[in-house]
Amino acid sequence: MVGQVRVTEANLTDSAGLPESEQSRVLVGMDIIGAGDLAVTNFDDKTVMSFRMPSVEVIDFVPVAHDHNVMEGGNREQRRALKSKRK
C-alpha cells in the first residue's frame, strides 16, 4: 500500500472481444515504479512482471545478455576469453 497517492479509475483499453487474460487490468505510474524495482521477463513465452518496494538491489540484464551474445555469435577468441573468465 502506498499512502498519499492520487489514483484515478479508467477504462485502459477497448477490451470488447478480448479474452479476460489479455485485457489490461492496471496502470502503474512512474511515481510508484520509481520507488521500487520493476522487471518484466518473457522466458518460454510466459510474460512475468515483478515489482518490489522498496528497491533492494540493482537488476542488470546486460552482463548476462552480453555473455550470451558472445557465446552464440562472438568470434572464437571472444568465446575462449569468456570461458576462461568463468573458470
Protein backbone atom coordinates (compact mmCIF):
# COMPACT_ATOMS: atom_id res chain seq x y z
CA MET A 1 0.00 0.00 0.00
CA VAL A 2 1.24 3.48 -0.85
CA GLY A 3 -0.21 6.42 1.03
CA GLN A 4 -0.77 9.96 -0.21
CA VAL A 5 -1.00 8.95 -3.88
CA ARG A 6 -3.85 10.25 -6.01
CA VAL A 7 -5.45 7.49 -8.09
CA THR A 8 -7.91 7.54 -10.96
CA GLU A 9 -10.17 4.82 -12.30
CA ALA A 10 -10.37 4.50 -16.09
CA ASN A 11 -11.02 2.08 -18.93
CA LEU A 12 -7.50 1.34 -20.13
CA THR A 13 -8.34 -0.31 -23.45
CA ASP A 14 -11.30 -1.17 -25.58
CA SER A 15 -11.47 -4.77 -24.40
CA ALA A 16 -14.53 -5.81 -26.39
CA GLY A 17 -13.90 -9.27 -27.77
CA LEU A 18 -10.63 -9.83 -25.92
CA PRO A 19 -10.35 -12.78 -23.57
CA GLU A 20 -10.03 -11.71 -19.93
CA SER A 21 -6.42 -12.95 -19.81
CA GLU A 22 -5.45 -10.35 -22.47
CA GLN A 23 -7.24 -7.35 -21.01
CA SER A 24 -5.36 -4.55 -19.26
CA ARG A 25 -6.08 -4.52 -15.56
CA VAL A 26 -3.85 -1.88 -14.07
CA LEU A 27 -1.84 1.19 -14.99
CA VAL A 28 1.09 1.96 -12.70
CA GLY A 29 2.65 5.41 -12.76
CA MET A 30 6.31 6.32 -12.51
CA ASP A 31 5.75 7.75 -9.04
CA ILE A 32 5.17 4.17 -7.85
CA ILE A 33 7.61 2.40 -10.20
CA GLY A 34 10.36 4.85 -9.21
CA ALA A 35 10.02 3.81 -5.57
CA GLY A 36 10.87 0.16 -6.23
CA ASP A 37 12.29 -2.42 -8.63
CA LEU A 38 10.32 -3.44 -11.73
CA ALA A 39 11.30 -6.28 -14.06
CA VAL A 40 9.38 -7.75 -16.99
CA THR A 41 10.54 -11.05 -18.45
CA ASN A 42 9.21 -13.26 -21.24
CA PHE A 43 11.05 -16.55 -20.78
CA ASP A 44 9.48 -19.51 -22.57
CA ASP A 45 6.73 -17.23 -23.98
CA LYS A 46 5.45 -16.56 -20.46
CA THR A 47 5.38 -12.88 -19.57
CA VAL A 48 6.02 -12.16 -15.91
CA MET A 49 6.05 -8.74 -14.27
CA SER A 50 7.71 -8.49 -10.87
CA PHE A 51 7.70 -5.44 -8.63
CA ARG A 52 9.09 -4.90 -5.16
CA MET A 53 9.19 -1.91 -2.91
CA PRO A 54 11.49 -0.62 -1.62
CA SER A 55 14.30 -1.17 -4.08
CA VAL A 56 16.84 -3.58 -2.58
CA GLU A 57 19.43 -4.22 -5.30
CA VAL A 58 20.45 -3.44 -8.86
CA ILE A 59 18.85 -5.65 -11.51
CA ASP A 60 21.01 -5.55 -14.65
CA PHE A 61 20.40 -7.97 -17.51
CA VAL A 62 23.17 -6.50 -19.69
CA PRO A 63 26.16 -8.60 -18.46
CA VAL A 64 24.28 -11.88 -18.88
CA ALA A 65 22.95 -10.79 -22.30
CA HIS A 66 26.47 -9.82 -23.39
CA ASP A 67 27.88 -13.21 -22.36
CA HIS A 68 25.03 -15.00 -24.14
CA ASN A 69 25.62 -12.97 -27.31
CA VAL A 70 29.35 -13.75 -27.25
CA MET A 71 28.72 -17.47 -26.83
CA GLU A 72 26.08 -17.53 -29.58
CA GLY A 73 27.66 -15.22 -32.12
CA GLY A 74 31.05 -13.97 -30.99
CA ASN A 75 34.28 -14.99 -32.61
CA ARG A 76 36.40 -17.85 -31.30
CA GLU A 77 38.75 -15.52 -29.39
CA GLN A 78 35.84 -13.86 -27.56
CA ARG A 79 34.32 -17.24 -26.65
CA ARG A 80 37.64 -18.54 -25.31
CA ALA A 81 38.19 -15.37 -23.25
CA LEU A 82 34.70 -15.68 -21.76
CA LYS A 83 35.15 -19.38 -20.96
CA SER A 84 38.46 -18.72 -19.19
CA LYS A 85 36.89 -15.84 -17.24
CA ARG A 86 34.16 -18.21 -15.98
CA LYS A 87 36.67 -20.71 -14.54
